[in-house]
PDB file of N, CA and C in Angstrom:
ATOM      1  N   UNK A   1     128.883  89.215 117.839  1.00  0.00           N
ATOM      2  CA  UNK A   1     128.456  90.117 116.279  1.00  0.00           C
ATOM      3  C   UNK A   1     130.225  91.156 115.850  1.00  0.00           C
ATOM      4  N   UNK A   2     130.295  90.132 114.417  1.00  0.00           N
ATOM      5  CA  UNK A   2     131.150  90.717 113.839  1.00  0.00           C
ATOM      6  C   UNK A   2     130.890  91.932 112.838  1.00  0.00           C
ATOM      7  N   UNK A   3     131.707  93.318 112.631  1.00  0.00           N
ATOM      8  CA  UNK A   3     131.232  94.233 112.389  1.00  0.00           C
ATOM      9  C   UNK A   3     130.406  93.461 110.674  1.00  0.00           C
ATOM     10  N   UNK A   4     131.301  92.991 109.834  1.00  0.00           N
ATOM     11  CA  UNK A   4     130.924  92.502 108.785  1.00  0.00           C
ATOM     12  C   UNK A   4     129.098  92.443 109.283  1.00  0.00           C
ATOM     13  N   UNK A   5     128.920  91.893 109.678  1.00  0.00           N
ATOM     14  CA  UNK A   5     127.448  91.018 110.106  1.00  0.00           C
ATOM     15  C   UNK A   5     126.394  92.451 110.090  1.00  0.00           C
ATOM     16  N   UNK A   6     126.688  92.982 111.486  1.00  0.00           N
ATOM     17  CA  UNK A   6     125.334  94.001 111.043  1.00  0.00           C
ATOM     18  C   UNK A   6     126.048  95.507 109.738  1.00  0.00           C
ATOM     19  N   UNK A   7     126.873  94.364 108.745  1.00  0.00           N
ATOM     20  CA  UNK A   7     126.798  95.897 108.396  1.00  0.00           C
ATOM     21  C   UNK A   7     126.131  95.250 107.464  1.00  0.00           C
ATOM     22  N   UNK A   8     126.069  93.637 106.941  1.00  0.00           N
ATOM     23  CA  UNK A   8     124.871  92.747 105.727  1.00  0.00           C
ATOM     24  C   UNK A   8     123.690  92.802 106.053  1.00  0.00           C
ATOM     25  N   UNK A   9     123.448  93.141 108.143  1.00  0.00           N
ATOM     26  CA  UNK A   9     121.922  92.879 108.104  1.00  0.00           C
ATOM     27  C   UNK A   9     121.360  95.200 107.567  1.00  0.00           C
ATOM     28  N   UNK A  10     122.347  96.030 108.496  1.00  0.00           N
ATOM     29  CA  UNK A  10     121.774  97.039 107.425  1.00  0.00           C
ATOM     30  C   UNK A  10     121.614  96.884 106.433  1.00  0.00           C
ATOM     31  N   UNK A  11     122.285  96.185 105.133  1.00  0.00           N
ATOM     32  CA  UNK A  11     121.961  96.555 103.865  1.00  0.00           C
ATOM     33  C   UNK A  11     120.805  95.658 103.863  1.00  0.00           C
ATOM     34  N   UNK A  12     120.409  94.504 104.180  1.00  0.00           N
ATOM     35  CA  UNK A  12     119.046  93.849 103.738  1.00  0.00           C
ATOM     36  C   UNK A  12     118.173  94.577 103.989  1.00  0.00           C
ATOM     37  N   UNK A  13     118.408  95.554 105.061  1.00  0.00           N
ATOM     38  CA  UNK A  13     117.406  96.607 105.705  1.00  0.00           C
ATOM     39  C   UNK A  13     117.243  98.293 105.034  1.00  0.00           C
ATOM     40  N   UNK A  14     118.478  98.130 104.388  1.00  0.00           N
ATOM     41  CA  UNK A  14     117.743  99.450 103.228  1.00  0.00           C
ATOM     42  C   UNK A  14     117.584  98.758 102.201  1.00  0.00           C
ATOM     43  N   UNK A  15     117.656  97.571 102.007  1.00  0.00           N
ATOM     44  CA  UNK A  15     117.407  96.933 100.118  1.00  0.00           C
ATOM     45  C   UNK A  15     115.721  96.933 100.730  1.00  0.00           C
ATOM     46  N   UNK A  16     115.694  96.463 102.153  1.00  0.00           N
ATOM     47  CA  UNK A  16     113.683  96.447 102.325  1.00  0.00           C
ATOM     48  C   UNK A  16     112.694  97.959 102.239  1.00  0.00           C
ATOM     49  N   UNK A  17     113.871  98.839 103.198  1.00  0.00           N
ATOM     50  CA  UNK A  17     113.168 100.138 103.300  1.00  0.00           C
ATOM     51  C   UNK A  17     112.882 100.637 102.075  1.00  0.00           C
ATOM     52  N   UNK A  18     113.448 100.524 101.004  1.00  0.00           N
ATOM     53  CA  UNK A  18     114.018 100.161  99.318  1.00  0.00           C
ATOM     54  C   UNK A  18     112.876 100.479  98.756  1.00  0.00           C
ATOM     55  N   UNK A  19     112.801  98.797  99.356  1.00  0.00           N
ATOM     56  CA  UNK A  19     111.371  98.310  98.083  1.00  0.00           C
ATOM     57  C   UNK A  19     109.854  98.415  98.502  1.00  0.00           C
ATOM     58  N   UNK A  20     110.436  99.243  99.819  1.00  0.00           N
ATOM     59  CA  UNK A  20     108.933  99.667 100.676  1.00  0.00           C
ATOM     60  C   UNK A  20     108.035 101.133 100.216  1.00  0.00           C
ATOM     61  N   UNK A  21     109.791 101.867  99.668  1.00  0.00           N
ATOM     62  CA  UNK A  21     109.705 103.616  99.202  1.00  0.00           C
ATOM     63  C   UNK A  21     108.920 103.348  98.383  1.00  0.00           C
ATOM     64  N   UNK A  22     109.821 101.984  97.438  1.00  0.00           N
ATOM     65  CA  UNK A  22     109.370 102.372  95.968  1.00  0.00           C
ATOM     66  C   UNK A  22     108.180 101.735  95.494  1.00  0.00           C
ATOM     67  N   UNK A  23     107.698 100.029  96.642  1.00  0.00           N
ATOM     68  CA  UNK A  23     106.262 100.605  96.590  1.00  0.00           C
ATOM     69  C   UNK A  23     104.878 101.358  96.614  1.00  0.00           C
ATOM     70  N   UNK A  24     105.461 102.027  97.152  1.00  0.00           N
ATOM     71  CA  UNK A  24     104.514 103.407  98.440  1.00  0.00           C
ATOM     72  C   UNK A  24     104.594 104.208  96.624  1.00  0.00           C
ATOM     73  N   UNK A  25     105.559 104.382  95.891  1.00  0.00           N
ATOM     74  CA  UNK A  25     105.773 104.580  94.891  1.00  0.00           C
ATOM     75  C   UNK A  25     104.270 104.384  93.988  1.00  0.00           C
ATOM     76  N   UNK A  26     104.537 103.904  93.366  1.00  0.00           N
ATOM     77  CA  UNK A  26     103.966 103.647  92.458  1.00  0.00           C
ATOM     78  C   UNK A  26     102.916 103.498  92.972  1.00  0.00           C
ATOM     79  N   UNK A  27     101.711 102.788  94.426  1.00  0.00           N
ATOM     80  CA  UNK A  27     100.525 102.921  95.036  1.00  0.00           C
ATOM     81  C   UNK A  27     100.545 104.715  94.427  1.00  0.00           C
ATOM     82  N   UNK A  28     101.600 105.298  94.486  1.00  0.00           N
ATOM     83  CA  UNK A  28     100.793 106.921  94.917  1.00  0.00           C
ATOM     84  C   UNK A  28     100.681 107.490  93.516  1.00  0.00           C
ATOM     85  N   UNK A  29     101.303 106.873  92.445  1.00  0.00           N
ATOM     86  CA  UNK A  29     101.757 107.687  90.909  1.00  0.00           C
ATOM     87  C   UNK A  29      99.847 106.434  90.814  1.00  0.00           C
ATOM     88  N   UNK A  30      99.628 105.046  90.334  1.00  0.00           N
ATOM     89  CA  UNK A  30      99.116 104.952  90.269  1.00  0.00           C
ATOM     90  C   UNK A  30      97.341 104.989  90.839  1.00  0.00           C
ATOM     91  N   UNK A  31      97.789 105.934  92.269  1.00  0.00           N
ATOM     92  CA  UNK A  31      96.635 106.603  92.581  1.00  0.00           C
ATOM     93  C   UNK A  31      96.410 107.387  92.054  1.00  0.00           C
ATOM     94  N   UNK A  32      97.184 108.323  91.373  1.00  0.00           N
ATOM     95  CA  UNK A  32      96.258 109.404  90.869  1.00  0.00           C
ATOM     96  C   UNK A  32      96.100 109.732  89.819  1.00  0.00           C
ATOM     97  N   UNK A  33      96.962 108.538  88.659  1.00  0.00           N
ATOM     98  CA  UNK A  33      96.505 108.942  87.325  1.00  0.00           C
ATOM     99  C   UNK A  33      95.576 107.832  87.332  1.00  0.00           C
ATOM    100  N   UNK A  34      94.931 107.118  88.190  1.00  0.00           N
ATOM    101  CA  UNK A  34      92.970 106.272  88.248  1.00  0.00           C
ATOM    102  C   UNK A  34      92.074 107.193  87.478  1.00  0.00           C
ATOM    103  N   UNK A  35      92.246 106.498  87.230  1.00  0.00           N
ATOM    104  CA  UNK A  35      91.398 107.518  86.322  1.00  0.00           C
ATOM    105  C   UNK A  35      89.382 106.758  85.829  1.00  0.00           C
ATOM    106  N   UNK A  36      88.738 107.330  86.624  1.00  0.00           N
ATOM    107  CA  UNK A  36      87.820 106.230  87.632  1.00  0.00           C
ATOM    108  C   UNK A  36      87.056 105.525  85.545  1.00  0.00           C
ATOM    109  N   UNK A  37      86.178 104.740  85.487  1.00  0.00           N
ATOM    110  CA  UNK A  37      85.574 103.993  84.468  1.00  0.00           C
ATOM    111  C   UNK A  37      83.700 104.416  84.761  1.00  0.00           C
ATOM    112  N   UNK A  38      83.863 105.257  83.407  1.00  0.00           N
ATOM    113  CA  UNK A  38      82.691 105.478  83.175  1.00  0.00           C
ATOM    114  C   UNK A  38      80.974 105.151  83.596  1.00  0.00           C
ATOM    115  N   UNK A  39      81.838 103.603  83.067  1.00  0.00           N
ATOM    116  CA  UNK A  39      80.493 102.627  83.205  1.00  0.00           C
ATOM    117  C   UNK A  39      79.901 102.094  84.490  1.00  0.00           C
ATOM    118  N   UNK A  40      81.443 102.509  85.561  1.00  0.00           N
ATOM    119  CA  UNK A  40      80.920 102.839  86.732  1.00  0.00           C
ATOM    120  C   UNK A  40      80.597 103.448  87.741  1.00  0.00           C
ATOM    121  N   UNK A  41      80.768 104.863  87.018  1.00  0.00           N
ATOM    122  CA  UNK A  41      80.343 105.782  87.191  1.00  0.00           C
ATOM    123  C   UNK A  41      78.232 105.825  86.941  1.00  0.00           C
ATOM    124  N   UNK A  42      78.622 105.491  85.658  1.00  0.00           N
ATOM    125  CA  UNK A  42      77.113 104.992  85.291  1.00  0.00           C
ATOM    126  C   UNK A  42      77.010 104.329  85.888  1.00  0.00           C
ATOM    127  N   UNK A  43      76.810 103.680  86.712  1.00  0.00           N
ATOM    128  CA  UNK A  43      75.862 102.248  86.988  1.00  0.00           C
ATOM    129  C   UNK A  43      76.009 102.882  88.168  1.00  0.00           C
ATOM    130  N   UNK A  44      76.835 104.232  89.412  1.00  0.00           N
ATOM    131  CA  UNK A  44      76.781 104.346  90.997  1.00  0.00           C
ATOM    132  C   UNK A  44      75.498 105.496  90.391  1.00  0.00           C
ATOM    133  N   UNK A  45      75.267 106.175  89.119  1.00  0.00           N
ATOM    134  CA  UNK A  45      74.471 106.546  88.886  1.00  0.00           C
ATOM    135  C   UNK A  45      73.145 106.959  88.970  1.00  0.00           C
ATOM    136  N   UNK A  46      73.306 105.537  88.453  1.00  0.00           N
ATOM    137  CA  UNK A  46      71.510 105.094  88.279  1.00  0.00           C
ATOM    138  C   UNK A  46      71.178 103.559  89.066  1.00  0.00           C
ATOM    139  N   UNK A  47      72.073 103.142  90.476  1.00  0.00           N
ATOM    140  CA  UNK A  47      72.258 102.843  91.810  1.00  0.00           C
ATOM    141  C   UNK A  47      71.728 103.980  92.270  1.00  0.00           C
ATOM    142  N   UNK A  48      72.369 105.686  92.333  1.00  0.00           N
ATOM    143  CA  UNK A  48      71.556 106.566  93.051  1.00  0.00           C
ATOM    144  C   UNK A  48      69.844 107.003  92.849  1.00  0.00           C
ATOM    145  N   UNK A  49      70.717 107.122  91.349  1.00  0.00           N
ATOM    146  CA  UNK A  49      68.433 107.684  91.036  1.00  0.00           C
ATOM    147  C   UNK A  49      67.378 106.704  91.905  1.00  0.00           C
ATOM    148  N   UNK A  50      68.257 105.340  91.794  1.00  0.00           N
ATOM    149  CA  UNK A  50      66.517 104.932  92.061  1.00  0.00           C
ATOM    150  C   UNK A  50      66.846 104.780  93.237  1.00  0.00           C
ATOM    151  N   UNK A  51      68.115 105.225  94.455  1.00  0.00           N
ATOM    152  CA  UNK A  51      68.088 105.421  95.775  1.00  0.00           C
ATOM    153  C   UNK A  51      67.002 106.236  95.679  1.00  0.00           C
ATOM    154  N   UNK A  52      66.285 106.920  94.862  1.00  0.00           N
ATOM    155  CA  UNK A  52      66.435 108.354  94.681  1.00  0.00           C
ATOM    156  C   UNK A  52      64.675 108.190  94.531  1.00  0.00           C
ATOM    157  N   UNK A  53      64.901 107.798  93.864  1.00  0.00           N
ATOM    158  CA  UNK A  53      62.851 107.266  93.783  1.00  0.00           C
ATOM    159  C   UNK A  53      62.310 106.998  94.670  1.00  0.00           C
ATOM    160  N   UNK A  54      63.065 106.073  94.689  1.00  0.00           N
ATOM    161  CA  UNK A  54      62.721 104.779  95.984  1.00  0.00           C
ATOM    162  C   UNK A  54      61.917 105.408  97.429  1.00  0.00           C
ATOM    163  N   UNK A  55      62.881 106.683  97.360  1.00  0.00           N
ATOM    164  CA  UNK A  55      62.414 107.707  98.863  1.00  0.00           C
ATOM    165  C   UNK A  55      61.368 108.141  98.794  1.00  0.00           C
ATOM    166  N   UNK A  56      61.477 109.051  97.374  1.00  0.00           N
ATOM    167  CA  UNK A  56      60.598 109.875  97.047  1.00  0.00           C
ATOM    168  C   UNK A  56      59.267 109.074  96.993  1.00  0.00           C
ATOM    169  N   UNK A  57      58.822 107.984  96.436  1.00  0.00           N
ATOM    170  CA  UNK A  57      57.976 107.463  96.782  1.00  0.00           C
ATOM    171  C   UNK A  57      57.247 107.046  98.445  1.00  0.00           C
ATOM    172  N   UNK A  58      59.035 106.453  99.155  1.00  0.00           N
ATOM    173  CA  UNK A  58      58.383 106.226 100.518  1.00  0.00           C
ATOM    174  C   UNK A  58      57.929 107.610 101.052  1.00  0.00           C
ATOM    175  N   UNK A  59      57.836 108.572 100.593  1.00  0.00           N
ATOM    176  CA  UNK A  59      57.993 109.929 102.065  1.00  0.00           C
ATOM    177  C   UNK A  59      57.318 109.960 101.001  1.00  0.00           C
ATOM    178  N   UNK A  60      56.059 109.795  99.874  1.00  0.00           N
ATOM    179  CA  UNK A  60      54.835 110.245  99.424  1.00  0.00           C
ATOM    180  C   UNK A  60      53.609 109.028  99.974  1.00  0.00           C
ATOM    181  N   UNK A  61      54.263 107.307 100.292  1.00  0.00           N
ATOM    182  CA  UNK A  61      53.901 106.650 101.153  1.00  0.00           C
ATOM    183  C   UNK A  61      53.324 107.322 103.414  1.00  0.00           C
ATOM    184  N   UNK A  62      54.192 108.153 103.037  1.00  0.00           N
ATOM    185  CA  UNK A  62      54.500 108.456 105.003  1.00  0.00           C
ATOM    186  C   UNK A  62      53.335 109.758 104.660  1.00  0.00           C
ATOM    187  N   UNK A  63      53.478 110.725 103.260  1.00  0.00           N
ATOM    188  CA  UNK A  63      52.506 110.991 103.334  1.00  0.00           C
ATOM    189  C   UNK A  63      51.621 110.502 104.030  1.00  0.00           C
ATOM    190  N   UNK A  64      51.242 110.623 102.617  1.00  0.00           N
ATOM    191  CA  UNK A  64      49.736 109.399 103.219  1.00  0.00           C
ATOM    192  C   UNK A  64      48.890 108.464 104.640  1.00  0.00           C
ATOM    193  N   UNK A  65      50.302 108.223 104.630  1.00  0.00           N
ATOM    194  CA  UNK A  65      49.450 107.732 105.790  1.00  0.00           C
ATOM    195  C   UNK A  65      49.553 109.065 107.342  1.00  0.00           C
ATOM    196  N   UNK A  66      49.997 109.818 107.095  1.00  0.00           N
ATOM    197  CA  UNK A  66      49.964 111.143 107.493  1.00  0.00           C
ATOM    198  C   UNK A  66      49.390 112.055 108.234  1.00  0.00           C
ATOM    199  N   UNK A  67      48.583 111.526 106.962  1.00  0.00           N
ATOM    200  CA  UNK A  67      47.436 112.906 106.222  1.00  0.00           C
ATOM    201  C   UNK A  67      46.102 111.564 106.493  1.00  0.00           C
ATOM    202  N   UNK A  68      46.411 110.258 106.757  1.00  0.00           N
ATOM    203  CA  UNK A  68      44.882 110.003 107.319  1.00  0.00           C
ATOM    204  C   UNK A  68      44.718 108.898 109.287  1.00  0.00           C
ATOM    205  N   UNK A  69      46.279 109.311 109.621  1.00  0.00           N
ATOM    206  CA  UNK A  69      46.772 109.327 110.732  1.00  0.00           C
ATOM    207  C   UNK A  69      45.722 110.627 111.219  1.00  0.00           C
ATOM    208  N   UNK A  70      46.331 111.644 110.709  1.00  0.00           N
ATOM    209  CA  UNK A  70      45.498 112.996 111.651  1.00  0.00           C
ATOM    210  C   UNK A  70      43.948 113.442 111.516  1.00  0.00           C
ATOM    211  N   UNK A  71      43.411 112.704 110.779  1.00  0.00           N
ATOM    212  CA  UNK A  71      42.130 112.274 110.366  1.00  0.00           C
ATOM    213  C   UNK A  71      42.149 111.786 110.805  1.00  0.00           C
ATOM    214  N   UNK A  72      42.286 110.811 111.665  1.00  0.00           N
ATOM    215  CA  UNK A  72      41.610 110.152 112.710  1.00  0.00           C
ATOM    216  C   UNK A  72      41.679 110.492 114.314  1.00  0.00           C
ATOM    217  N   UNK A  73      42.620 111.179 115.025  1.00  0.00           N
ATOM    218  CA  UNK A  73      43.154 111.522 115.521  1.00  0.00           C
ATOM    219  C   UNK A  73      41.553 113.155 115.670  1.00  0.00           C
ATOM    220  N   UNK A  74      41.796 114.000 114.584  1.00  0.00           N
ATOM    221  CA  UNK A  74      40.980 115.040 114.489  1.00  0.00           C
ATOM    222  C   UNK A  74      39.471 114.024 115.010  1.00  0.00           C
ATOM    223  N   UNK A  75      39.228 113.319 115.164  1.00  0.00           N
ATOM    224  CA  UNK A  75      37.493 112.176 114.332  1.00  0.00           C
ATOM    225  C   UNK A  75      37.834 112.196 116.116  1.00  0.00           C
ATOM    226  N   UNK A  76      38.361 111.490 116.235  1.00  0.00           N
ATOM    227  CA  UNK A  76      38.499 110.588 118.296  1.00  0.00           C
ATOM    228  C   UNK A  76      38.517 112.352 118.856  1.00  0.00           C
ATOM    229  N   UNK A  77      39.201 113.179 118.821  1.00  0.00           N
ATOM    230  CA  UNK A  77      39.526 114.287 119.957  1.00  0.00           C
ATOM    231  C   UNK A  77      37.689 114.745 119.912  1.00  0.00           C
ATOM    232  N   UNK A  78      37.141 114.915 118.449  1.00  0.00           N
ATOM    233  CA  UNK A  78      36.129 115.173 118.171  1.00  0.00           C
ATOM    234  C   UNK A  78      35.211 114.821 119.520  1.00  0.00           C
ATOM    235  N   UNK A  79      35.529 113.240 119.239  1.00  0.00           N
ATOM    236  CA  UNK A  79      34.500 112.071 119.939  1.00  0.00           C
ATOM    237  C   UNK A  79      34.868 112.472 121.444  1.00  0.00           C
ATOM    238  N   UNK A  80      35.751 112.271 121.694  1.00  0.00           N
ATOM    239  CA  UNK A  80      36.197 112.498 122.805  1.00  0.00           C
ATOM    240  C   UNK A  80      36.064 114.006 123.466  1.00  0.00           C
ATOM    241  N   UNK A  81      35.735 115.361 123.257  1.00  0.00           N
ATOM    242  CA  UNK A  81      34.943 116.396 123.842  1.00  0.00           C
ATOM    243  C   UNK A  81      34.070 116.509 123.625  1.00  0.00           C
ATOM    244  N   UNK A  82      33.472 115.752 122.956  1.00  0.00           N
ATOM    245  CA  UNK A  82      31.578 115.250 123.056  1.00  0.00           C
ATOM    246  C   UNK A  82      31.128 114.798 124.162  1.00  0.00           C
ATOM    247  N   UNK A  83      32.265 113.452 124.034  1.00  0.00           N
ATOM    248  CA  UNK A  83      31.504 113.240 125.062  1.00  0.00           C
ATOM    249  C   UNK A  83      31.670 113.754 126.941  1.00  0.00           C
ATOM    250  N   UNK A  84      33.034 114.018 127.191  1.00  0.00           N
ATOM    251  CA  UNK A  84      33.062 115.119 127.852  1.00  0.00           C
ATOM    252  C   UNK A  84      31.738 115.804 128.424  1.00  0.00           C
ATOM    253  N   UNK A  85      32.013 116.577 127.172  1.00  0.00           N
ATOM    254  CA  UNK A  85      30.334 117.336 127.084  1.00  0.00           C
ATOM    255  C   UNK A  85      29.471 117.674 128.150  1.00  0.00           C
ATOM    256  N   UNK A  86      28.838 115.440 127.525  1.00  0.00           N
ATOM    257  CA  UNK A  86      27.483 114.846 127.946  1.00  0.00           C
ATOM    258  C   UNK A  86      27.159 115.180 129.160  1.00  0.00           C
TER     259      UNK A  86
END
């Protein structure tokens, strides 16, 4: 390989590296300056509120099921105690 060919390859590498650095810099600036779209934030908040409401409703259903199961278990335990003592 000749010296001039190595210099040319190095020059291409330098240019590619410079383009990469410029691209990264542009991305960093765009990330810093990007402000969230209010519509996106409002939509996300609405979705989160809906999820919270769904979870609260589900929790209420679980509480009711837990109450019913506890009452049934108590009655079953009482019947078993009665059967054992007879």
